Amino acid sequence: MFQEKDFAKLIQRTLLSGVFLSLLLLLAGLGLSLSGSPAGAPLLKAGLLALLLTPAARVGMLIYGYWRGGEYYFALASFVVLALLGVSLLV
């Protein structure tokens, strides 16, 4: 059975992973940019993209957790939020 404690850890790990990945990419990009390397700009962009996608990944994990916990209404509501985030990217 999927417990609330497991669900909270899943969300926490998702957020921490996204933030640390973003931090790593941003620091690497900043270091390369300051040294004059042209490879710094793509790493900075990737770091910002990782930071922007972290909330979307959290919503994806919410869908998974709610579905696994049998709370289908909340899973559907989270899916609608994720769809709205996707539409807002396209607009």
PDB file of N, CA and C in Angstrom:
ATOM      1  N   MET A   1       0.843  -1.194   0.000  1.00  0.00           N
ATOM      2  CA  MET A   1       0.000   0.000   0.000  1.00  0.00           C
ATOM      3  C   MET A   1       0.877   1.242   0.000  1.00  0.00           C
ATOM      4  N   PHE A   2       0.508   2.202  -0.791  1.00  0.00           N
ATOM      5  CA  PHE A   2       1.241   3.458  -0.922  1.00  0.00           C
ATOM      6  C   PHE A   2       0.810   4.383   0.211  1.00  0.00           C
ATOM      7  N   GLN A   3       1.754   4.718   1.086  1.00  0.00           N
ATOM      8  CA  GLN A   3       1.420   5.499   2.268  1.00  0.00           C
ATOM      9  C   GLN A   3       1.729   6.979   2.045  1.00  0.00           C
ATOM     10  N   GLU A   4       1.150   7.801   2.910  1.00  0.00           N
ATOM     11  CA  GLU A   4       1.324   9.248   2.805  1.00  0.00           C
ATOM     12  C   GLU A   4       2.783   9.653   3.007  1.00  0.00           C
ATOM     13  N   LYS A   5       3.496   8.930   3.864  1.00  0.00           N
ATOM     14  CA  LYS A   5       4.906   9.233   4.103  1.00  0.00           C
ATOM     15  C   LYS A   5       5.733   8.986   2.834  1.00  0.00           C
ATOM     16  N   ASP A   6       5.428   7.894   2.132  1.00  0.00           N
ATOM     17  CA  ASP A   6       6.114   7.600   0.871  1.00  0.00           C
ATOM     18  C   ASP A   6       5.809   8.673  -0.171  1.00  0.00           C
ATOM     19  N   PHE A   7       4.564   9.114  -0.189  1.00  0.00           N
ATOM     20  CA  PHE A   7       4.125  10.149  -1.119  1.00  0.00           C
ATOM     21  C   PHE A   7       4.870  11.458  -0.862  1.00  0.00           C
ATOM     22  N   ALA A   8       5.007  11.834   0.398  1.00  0.00           N
ATOM     23  CA  ALA A   8       5.718  13.067   0.749  1.00  0.00           C
ATOM     24  C   ALA A   8       7.194  12.972   0.370  1.00  0.00           C
ATOM     25  N   LYS A   9       7.799  11.805   0.585  1.00  0.00           N
ATOM     26  CA  LYS A   9       9.204  11.624   0.195  1.00  0.00           C
ATOM     27  C   LYS A   9       9.386  11.714  -1.310  1.00  0.00           C
ATOM     28  N   LEU A  10       8.432  11.178  -2.065  1.00  0.00           N
ATOM     29  CA  LEU A  10       8.489  11.237  -3.519  1.00  0.00           C
ATOM     30  C   LEU A  10       8.470  12.685  -4.004  1.00  0.00           C
ATOM     31  N   ILE A  11       7.591  13.479  -3.448  1.00  0.00           N
ATOM     32  CA  ILE A  11       7.500  14.890  -3.826  1.00  0.00           C
ATOM     33  C   ILE A  11       8.762  15.632  -3.407  1.00  0.00           C
ATOM     34  N   GLN A  12       9.242  15.364  -2.208  1.00  0.00           N
ATOM     35  CA  GLN A  12      10.449  16.027  -1.718  1.00  0.00           C
ATOM     36  C   GLN A  12      11.647  15.706  -2.605  1.00  0.00           C
ATOM     37  N   ARG A  13      11.813  14.453  -2.958  1.00  0.00           N
ATOM     38  CA  ARG A  13      12.945  14.060  -3.808  1.00  0.00           C
ATOM     39  C   ARG A  13      12.840  14.659  -5.198  1.00  0.00           C
ATOM     40  N   THR A  14      11.630  14.759  -5.711  1.00  0.00           N
ATOM     41  CA  THR A  14      11.438  15.370  -7.033  1.00  0.00           C
ATOM     42  C   THR A  14      11.870  16.830  -7.016  1.00  0.00           C
ATOM     43  N   LEU A  15      11.428  17.562  -6.009  1.00  0.00           N
ATOM     44  CA  LEU A  15      11.784  18.978  -5.922  1.00  0.00           C
ATOM     45  C   LEU A  15      13.282  19.170  -5.685  1.00  0.00           C
ATOM     46  N   LEU A  16      13.849  18.394  -4.782  1.00  0.00           N
ATOM     47  CA  LEU A  16      15.283  18.513  -4.507  1.00  0.00           C
ATOM     48  C   LEU A  16      16.125  18.154  -5.734  1.00  0.00           C
ATOM     49  N   SER A  17      15.733  17.127  -6.444  1.00  0.00           N
ATOM     50  CA  SER A  17      16.473  16.734  -7.646  1.00  0.00           C
ATOM     51  C   SER A  17      16.449  17.833  -8.690  1.00  0.00           C
ATOM     52  N   GLY A  18      15.279  18.433  -8.894  1.00  0.00           N
ATOM     53  CA  GLY A  18      15.171  19.508  -9.874  1.00  0.00           C
ATOM     54  C   GLY A  18      15.996  20.724  -9.497  1.00  0.00           C
ATOM     55  N   VAL A  19      15.960  21.085  -8.228  1.00  0.00           N
ATOM     56  CA  VAL A  19      16.713  22.255  -7.777  1.00  0.00           C
ATOM     57  C   VAL A  19      18.221  22.002  -7.850  1.00  0.00           C
ATOM     58  N   PHE A  20      18.663  20.815  -7.417  1.00  0.00           N
ATOM     59  CA  PHE A  20      20.093  20.518  -7.470  1.00  0.00           C
ATOM     60  C   PHE A  20      20.607  20.388  -8.901  1.00  0.00           C
ATOM     61  N   LEU A  21      19.810  19.795  -9.783  1.00  0.00           N
ATOM     62  CA  LEU A  21      20.210  19.719 -11.188  1.00  0.00           C
ATOM     63  C   LEU A  21      20.331  21.116 -11.779  1.00  0.00           C
ATOM     64  N   SER A  22      19.361  21.960 -11.485  1.00  0.00           N
ATOM     65  CA  SER A  22      19.399  23.330 -11.970  1.00  0.00           C
ATOM     66  C   SER A  22      20.614  24.075 -11.425  1.00  0.00           C
ATOM     67  N   LEU A  23      20.886  23.924 -10.138  1.00  0.00           N
ATOM     68  CA  LEU A  23      22.032  24.583  -9.523  1.00  0.00           C
ATOM     69  C   LEU A  23      23.337  24.123 -10.162  1.00  0.00           C
ATOM     70  N   LEU A  24      23.468  22.835 -10.382  1.00  0.00           N
ATOM     71  CA  LEU A  24      24.669  22.296 -10.995  1.00  0.00           C
ATOM     72  C   LEU A  24      24.874  22.857 -12.399  1.00  0.00           C
ATOM     73  N   LEU A  25      23.821  22.867 -13.192  1.00  0.00           N
ATOM     74  CA  LEU A  25      23.925  23.385 -14.557  1.00  0.00           C
ATOM     75  C   LEU A  25      24.220  24.886 -14.575  1.00  0.00           C
ATOM     76  N   LEU A  26      23.558  25.618 -13.686  1.00  0.00           N
ATOM     77  CA  LEU A  26      23.783  27.069 -13.639  1.00  0.00           C
ATOM     78  C   LEU A  26      25.205  27.407 -13.199  1.00  0.00           C
ATOM     79  N   LEU A  27      25.707  26.705 -12.188  1.00  0.00           N
ATOM     80  CA  LEU A  27      27.077  26.970 -11.748  1.00  0.00           C
ATOM     81  C   LEU A  27      28.104  26.600 -12.816  1.00  0.00           C
ATOM     82  N   ALA A  28      27.886  25.471 -13.484  1.00  0.00           N
ATOM     83  CA  ALA A  28      28.799  25.072 -14.561  1.00  0.00           C
ATOM     84  C   ALA A  28      28.735  26.079 -15.701  1.00  0.00           C
ATOM     85  N   GLY A  29      27.538  26.515 -16.052  1.00  0.00           N
ATOM     86  CA  GLY A  29      27.385  27.498 -17.120  1.00  0.00           C
ATOM     87  C   GLY A  29      27.996  28.832 -16.757  1.00  0.00           C
ATOM     88  N   LEU A  30      27.837  29.249 -15.518  1.00  0.00           N
ATOM     89  CA  LEU A  30      28.418  30.505 -15.068  1.00  0.00           C
ATOM     90  C   LEU A  30      29.942  30.439 -15.091  1.00  0.00           C
ATOM     91  N   GLY A  31      30.472  29.326 -14.596  1.00  0.00           N
ATOM     92  CA  GLY A  31      31.931  29.165 -14.608  1.00  0.00           C
ATOM     93  C   GLY A  31      32.501  29.172 -16.018  1.00  0.00           C
ATOM     94  N   LEU A  32      31.838  28.480 -16.923  1.00  0.00           N
ATOM     95  CA  LEU A  32      32.316  28.469 -18.309  1.00  0.00           C
ATOM     96  C   LEU A  32      32.146  29.828 -18.985  1.00  0.00           C
ATOM     97  N   SER A  33      31.060  30.513 -18.662  1.00  0.00           N
ATOM     98  CA  SER A  33      30.847  31.846 -19.246  1.00  0.00           C
ATOM     99  C   SER A  33      31.900  32.839 -18.767  1.00  0.00           C
ATOM    100  N   LEU A  34      32.233  32.774 -17.477  1.00  0.00           N
ATOM    101  CA  LEU A  34      33.241  33.685 -16.936  1.00  0.00           C
ATOM    102  C   LEU A  34      34.636  33.389 -17.493  1.00  0.00           C
ATOM    103  N   SER A  35      34.869  32.138 -17.867  1.00  0.00           N
ATOM    104  CA  SER A  35      36.174  31.797 -18.439  1.00  0.00           C
ATOM    105  C   SER A  35      36.237  32.093 -19.933  1.00  0.00           C
ATOM    106  N   GLY A  36      35.121  32.524 -20.516  1.00  0.00           N
ATOM    107  CA  GLY A  36      35.109  32.898 -21.928  1.00  0.00           C
ATOM    108  C   GLY A  36      34.730  31.766 -22.870  1.00  0.00           C
ATOM    109  N   SER A  37      34.316  30.648 -22.340  1.00  0.00           N
ATOM    110  CA  SER A  37      33.958  29.505 -23.176  1.00  0.00           C
ATOM    111  C   SER A  37      32.561  29.692 -23.762  1.00  0.00           C
ATOM    112  N   PRO A  38      32.386  29.360 -25.032  1.00  0.00           N
ATOM    113  CA  PRO A  38      31.048  29.495 -25.631  1.00  0.00           C
ATOM    114  C   PRO A  38      30.079  28.409 -25.150  1.00  0.00           C
ATOM    115  N   ALA A  39      30.567  27.406 -24.445  1.00  0.00           N
ATOM    116  CA  ALA A  39      29.699  26.336 -23.953  1.00  0.00           C
ATOM    117  C   ALA A  39      28.923  26.760 -22.712  1.00  0.00           C
ATOM    118  N   GLY A  40      29.204  27.928 -22.165  1.00  0.00           N
ATOM    119  CA  GLY A  40      28.528  28.372 -20.950  1.00  0.00           C
ATOM    120  C   GLY A  40      27.087  28.759 -21.165  1.00  0.00           C
ATOM    121  N   ALA A  41      26.781  29.403 -22.279  1.00  0.00           N
ATOM    122  CA  ALA A  41      25.414  29.871 -22.536  1.00  0.00           C
ATOM    123  C   ALA A  41      24.410  28.715 -22.623  1.00  0.00           C
ATOM    124  N   PRO A  42      24.711  27.631 -23.345  1.00  0.00           N
ATOM    125  CA  PRO A  42      23.738  26.523 -23.367  1.00  0.00           C
ATOM    126  C   PRO A  42      23.526  25.884 -21.989  1.00  0.00           C
ATOM    127  N   LEU A  43      24.569  25.836 -21.176  1.00  0.00           N
ATOM    128  CA  LEU A  43      24.410  25.278 -19.839  1.00  0.00           C
ATOM    129  C   LEU A  43      23.553  26.186 -18.956  1.00  0.00           C
ATOM    130  N   LEU A  44      23.714  27.484 -19.111  1.00  0.00           N
ATOM    131  CA  LEU A  44      22.862  28.415 -18.363  1.00  0.00           C
ATOM    132  C   LEU A  44      21.405  28.255 -18.773  1.00  0.00           C
ATOM    133  N   LYS A  45      21.158  28.120 -20.070  1.00  0.00           N
ATOM    134  CA  LYS A  45      19.788  27.918 -20.551  1.00  0.00           C
ATOM    135  C   LYS A  45      19.215  26.599 -20.049  1.00  0.00           C
ATOM    136  N   ALA A  46      20.037  25.560 -20.037  1.00  0.00           N
ATOM    137  CA  ALA A  46      19.583  24.259 -19.544  1.00  0.00           C
ATOM    138  C   ALA A  46      19.265  24.327 -18.046  1.00  0.00           C
ATOM    139  N   GLY A  47      20.052  25.078 -17.301  1.00  0.00           N
ATOM    140  CA  GLY A  47      19.798  25.241 -15.874  1.00  0.00           C
ATOM    141  C   GLY A  47      18.485  25.965 -15.605  1.00  0.00           C
ATOM    142  N   LEU A  48      18.219  27.001 -16.387  1.00  0.00           N
ATOM    143  CA  LEU A  48      16.951  27.715 -16.241  1.00  0.00           C
ATOM    144  C   LEU A  48      15.774  26.839 -16.652  1.00  0.00           C
ATOM    145  N   LEU A  49      15.956  26.058 -17.707  1.00  0.00           N
ATOM    146  CA  LEU A  49      14.895  25.156 -18.140  1.00  0.00           C
ATOM    147  C   LEU A  49      14.607  24.103 -17.072  1.00  0.00           C
ATOM    148  N   ALA A  50      15.653  23.562 -16.462  1.00  0.00           N
ATOM    149  CA  ALA A  50      15.467  22.587 -15.389  1.00  0.00           C
ATOM    150  C   ALA A  50      14.725  23.212 -14.210  1.00  0.00           C
ATOM    151  N   LEU A  51      15.041  24.457 -13.917  1.00  0.00           N
ATOM    152  CA  LEU A  51      14.367  25.145 -12.820  1.00  0.00           C
ATOM    153  C   LEU A  51      12.893  25.396 -13.147  1.00  0.00           C
ATOM    154  N   LEU A  52      12.604  25.712 -14.402  1.00  0.00           N
ATOM    155  CA  LEU A  52      11.222  25.945 -14.810  1.00  0.00           C
ATOM    156  C   LEU A  52      10.409  24.651 -14.878  1.00  0.00           C
ATOM    157  N   LEU A  53      11.056  23.548 -15.206  1.00  0.00           N
ATOM    158  CA  LEU A  53      10.338  22.280 -15.329  1.00  0.00           C
ATOM    159  C   LEU A  53      10.162  21.546 -14.002  1.00  0.00           C
ATOM    160  N   THR A  54      10.832  22.002 -12.966  1.00  0.00           N
ATOM    161  CA  THR A  54      10.717  21.347 -11.662  1.00  0.00           C
ATOM    162  C   THR A  54       9.279  21.340 -11.132  1.00  0.00           C
ATOM    163  N   PRO A  55       8.530  22.444 -11.185  1.00  0.00           N
ATOM    164  CA  PRO A  55       7.130  22.378 -10.726  1.00  0.00           C
ATOM    165  C   PRO A  55       6.274  21.433 -11.575  1.00  0.00           C
ATOM    166  N   ALA A  56       6.548  21.374 -12.872  1.00  0.00           N
ATOM    167  CA  ALA A  56       5.791  20.453 -13.725  1.00  0.00           C
ATOM    168  C   ALA A  56       6.098  19.003 -13.352  1.00  0.00           C
ATOM    169  N   ALA A  57       7.351  18.721 -13.018  1.00  0.00           N
ATOM    170  CA  ALA A  57       7.715  17.374 -12.576  1.00  0.00           C
ATOM    171  C   ALA A  57       7.021  17.042 -11.254  1.00  0.00           C
ATOM    172  N   ARG A  58       6.895  18.038 -10.398  1.00  0.00           N
ATOM    173  CA  ARG A  58       6.193  17.835  -9.126  1.00  0.00           C
ATOM    174  C   ARG A  58       4.737  17.465  -9.368  1.00  0.00           C
ATOM    175  N   VAL A  59       4.100  18.157 -10.299  1.00  0.00           N
ATOM    176  CA  VAL A  59       2.706  17.845 -10.608  1.00  0.00           C
ATOM    177  C   VAL A  59       2.608  16.439 -11.209  1.00  0.00           C
ATOM    178  N   GLY A  60       3.585  16.062 -12.016  1.00  0.00           N
ATOM    179  CA  GLY A  60       3.601  14.703 -12.549  1.00  0.00           C
ATOM    180  C   GLY A  60       3.706  13.665 -11.447  1.00  0.00           C
ATOM    181  N   MET A  61       4.521  13.935 -10.449  1.00  0.00           N
ATOM    182  CA  MET A  61       4.637  13.014  -9.316  1.00  0.00           C
ATOM    183  C   MET A  61       3.365  13.011  -8.467  1.00  0.00           C
ATOM    184  N   LEU A  62       2.679  14.146  -8.400  1.00  0.00           N
ATOM    185  CA  LEU A  62       1.396  14.189  -7.702  1.00  0.00           C
ATOM    186  C   LEU A  62       0.383  13.279  -8.389  1.00  0.00           C
ATOM    187  N   ILE A  63       0.366  13.321  -9.716  1.00  0.00           N
ATOM    188  CA  ILE A  63      -0.542  12.449 -10.463  1.00  0.00           C
ATOM    189  C   ILE A  63      -0.246  10.989 -10.128  1.00  0.00           C
ATOM    190  N   TYR A  64       1.025  10.626 -10.187  1.00  0.00           N
ATOM    191  CA  TYR A  64       1.426   9.257  -9.897  1.00  0.00           C
ATOM    192  C   TYR A  64       1.037   8.851  -8.475  1.00  0.00           C
ATOM    193  N   GLY A  65       1.338   9.716  -7.511  1.00  0.00           N
ATOM    194  CA  GLY A  65       1.055   9.397  -6.122  1.00  0.00           C
ATOM    195  C   GLY A  65      -0.431   9.281  -5.832  1.00  0.00           C
ATOM    196  N   TYR A  66      -1.214  10.207  -6.362  1.00  0.00           N
ATOM    197  CA  TYR A  66      -2.654  10.142  -6.139  1.00  0.00           C
ATOM    198  C   TYR A  66      -3.252   8.904  -6.803  1.00  0.00           C
ATOM    199  N   TRP A  67      -2.796   8.600  -8.011  1.00  0.00           N
ATOM    200  CA  TRP A  67      -3.326   7.436  -8.718  1.00  0.00           C
ATOM    201  C   TRP A  67      -2.985   6.158  -7.953  1.00  0.00           C
ATOM    202  N   ARG A  68      -1.741   6.084  -7.517  1.00  0.00           N
ATOM    203  CA  ARG A  68      -1.310   4.890  -6.790  1.00  0.00           C
ATOM    204  C   ARG A  68      -2.012   4.767  -5.445  1.00  0.00           C
ATOM    205  N   GLY A  69      -2.340   5.885  -4.839  1.00  0.00           N
ATOM    206  CA  GLY A  69      -3.047   5.872  -3.566  1.00  0.00           C
ATOM    207  C   GLY A  69      -4.548   5.685  -3.699  1.00  0.00           C
ATOM    208  N   GLY A  70      -5.042   5.603  -4.920  1.00  0.00           N
ATOM    209  CA  GLY A  70      -6.466   5.380  -5.132  1.00  0.00           C
ATOM    210  C   GLY A  70      -7.308   6.642  -5.098  1.00  0.00           C
ATOM    211  N   GLU A  71      -6.676   7.803  -5.097  1.00  0.00           N
ATOM    212  CA  GLU A  71      -7.414   9.065  -5.082  1.00  0.00           C
ATOM    213  C   GLU A  71      -7.494   9.594  -6.510  1.00  0.00           C
ATOM    214  N   TYR A  72      -8.415   9.002  -7.275  1.00  0.00           N
ATOM    215  CA  TYR A  72      -8.498   9.265  -8.707  1.00  0.00           C
ATOM    216  C   TYR A  72      -8.988  10.674  -9.026  1.00  0.00           C
ATOM    217  N   TYR A  73      -9.828  11.230  -8.165  1.00  0.00           N
ATOM    218  CA  TYR A  73     -10.308  12.597  -8.395  1.00  0.00           C
ATOM    219  C   TYR A  73      -9.143  13.590  -8.320  1.00  0.00           C
ATOM    220  N   PHE A  74      -8.272  13.432  -7.329  1.00  0.00           N
ATOM    221  CA  PHE A  74      -7.130  14.327  -7.194  1.00  0.00           C
ATOM    222  C   PHE A  74      -6.111  14.081  -8.311  1.00  0.00           C
ATOM    223  N   ALA A  75      -5.994  12.832  -8.748  1.00  0.00           N
ATOM    224  CA  ALA A  75      -5.109  12.533  -9.871  1.00  0.00           C
ATOM    225  C   ALA A  75      -5.608  13.233 -11.135  1.00  0.00           C
ATOM    226  N   LEU A  76      -6.910  13.207 -11.357  1.00  0.00           N
ATOM    227  CA  LEU A  76      -7.486  13.880 -12.518  1.00  0.00           C
ATOM    228  C   LEU A  76      -7.300  15.393 -12.420  1.00  0.00           C
ATOM    229  N   ALA A  77      -7.522  15.950 -11.229  1.00  0.00           N
ATOM    230  CA  ALA A  77      -7.335  17.386 -11.042  1.00  0.00           C
ATOM    231  C   ALA A  77      -5.873  17.779 -11.284  1.00  0.00           C
ATOM    232  N   SER A  78      -4.942  16.953 -10.819  1.00  0.00           N
ATOM    233  CA  SER A  78      -3.521  17.231 -11.054  1.00  0.00           C
ATOM    234  C   SER A  78      -3.181  17.115 -12.532  1.00  0.00           C
ATOM    235  N   PHE A  79      -3.816  16.171 -13.208  1.00  0.00           N
ATOM    236  CA  PHE A  79      -3.595  16.035 -14.652  1.00  0.00           C
ATOM    237  C   PHE A  79      -4.077  17.277 -15.396  1.00  0.00           C
ATOM    238  N   VAL A  80      -5.201  17.824 -14.975  1.00  0.00           N
ATOM    239  CA  VAL A  80      -5.706  19.061 -15.592  1.00  0.00           C
ATOM    240  C   VAL A  80      -4.711  20.199 -15.371  1.00  0.00           C
ATOM    241  N   VAL A  81      -4.140  20.282 -14.178  1.00  0.00           N
ATOM    242  CA  VAL A  81      -3.130  21.313 -13.891  1.00  0.00           C
ATOM    243  C   VAL A  81      -1.919  21.125 -14.800  1.00  0.00           C
ATOM    244  N   LEU A  82      -1.468  19.880 -14.951  1.00  0.00           N
ATOM    245  CA  LEU A  82      -0.320  19.604 -15.830  1.00  0.00           C
ATOM    246  C   LEU A  82      -0.644  19.955 -17.278  1.00  0.00           C
ATOM    247  N   ALA A  83      -1.850  19.660 -17.717  1.00  0.00           N
ATOM    248  CA  ALA A  83      -2.256  20.020 -19.072  1.00  0.00           C
ATOM    249  C   ALA A  83      -2.285  21.536 -19.259  1.00  0.00           C
ATOM    250  N   LEU A  84      -2.749  22.249 -18.251  1.00  0.00           N
ATOM    251  CA  LEU A  84      -2.771  23.709 -18.330  1.00  0.00           C
ATOM    252  C   LEU A  84      -1.337  24.279 -18.372  1.00  0.00           C
ATOM    253  N   LEU A  85      -0.434  23.671 -17.616  1.00  0.00           N
ATOM    254  CA  LEU A  85       0.973  24.089 -17.680  1.00  0.00           C
ATOM    255  C   LEU A  85       1.540  23.859 -19.074  1.00  0.00           C
ATOM    256  N   GLY A  86       1.197  22.727 -19.675  1.00  0.00           N
ATOM    257  CA  GLY A  86       1.654  22.440 -21.033  1.00  0.00           C
ATOM    258  C   GLY A  86       1.079  23.408 -22.054  1.00  0.00           C
ATOM    259  N   VAL A  87      -0.198  23.731 -21.926  1.00  0.00           N
ATOM    260  CA  VAL A  87      -0.821  24.688 -22.845  1.00  0.00           C
ATOM    261  C   VAL A  87      -0.202  26.065 -22.679  1.00  0.00           C
ATOM    262  N   SER A  88       0.102  26.446 -21.449  1.00  0.00           N
ATOM    263  CA  SER A  88       0.689  27.773 -21.212  1.00  0.00           C
ATOM    264  C   SER A  88       2.081  27.875 -21.835  1.00  0.00           C
ATOM    265  N   LEU A  89       2.786  26.755 -21.959  1.00  0.00           N
ATOM    266  CA  LEU A  89       4.081  26.769 -22.643  1.00  0.00           C
ATOM    267  C   LEU A  89       3.922  27.055 -24.135  1.00  0.00           C
ATOM    268  N   LEU A  90       2.835  26.549 -24.703  1.00  0.00           N
ATOM    269  CA  LEU A  90       2.617  26.708 -26.136  1.00  0.00           C
ATOM    270  C   LEU A  90       2.085  28.093 -26.500  1.00  0.00           C
ATOM    271  N   VAL A  91       1.465  28.753 -25.555  1.00  0.00           N
ATOM    272  CA  VAL A  91       0.867  30.066 -25.844  1.00  0.00           C
ATOM    273  C   VAL A  91       1.852  31.167 -25.713  1.00  0.00           C
TER     274      VAL A  91
END
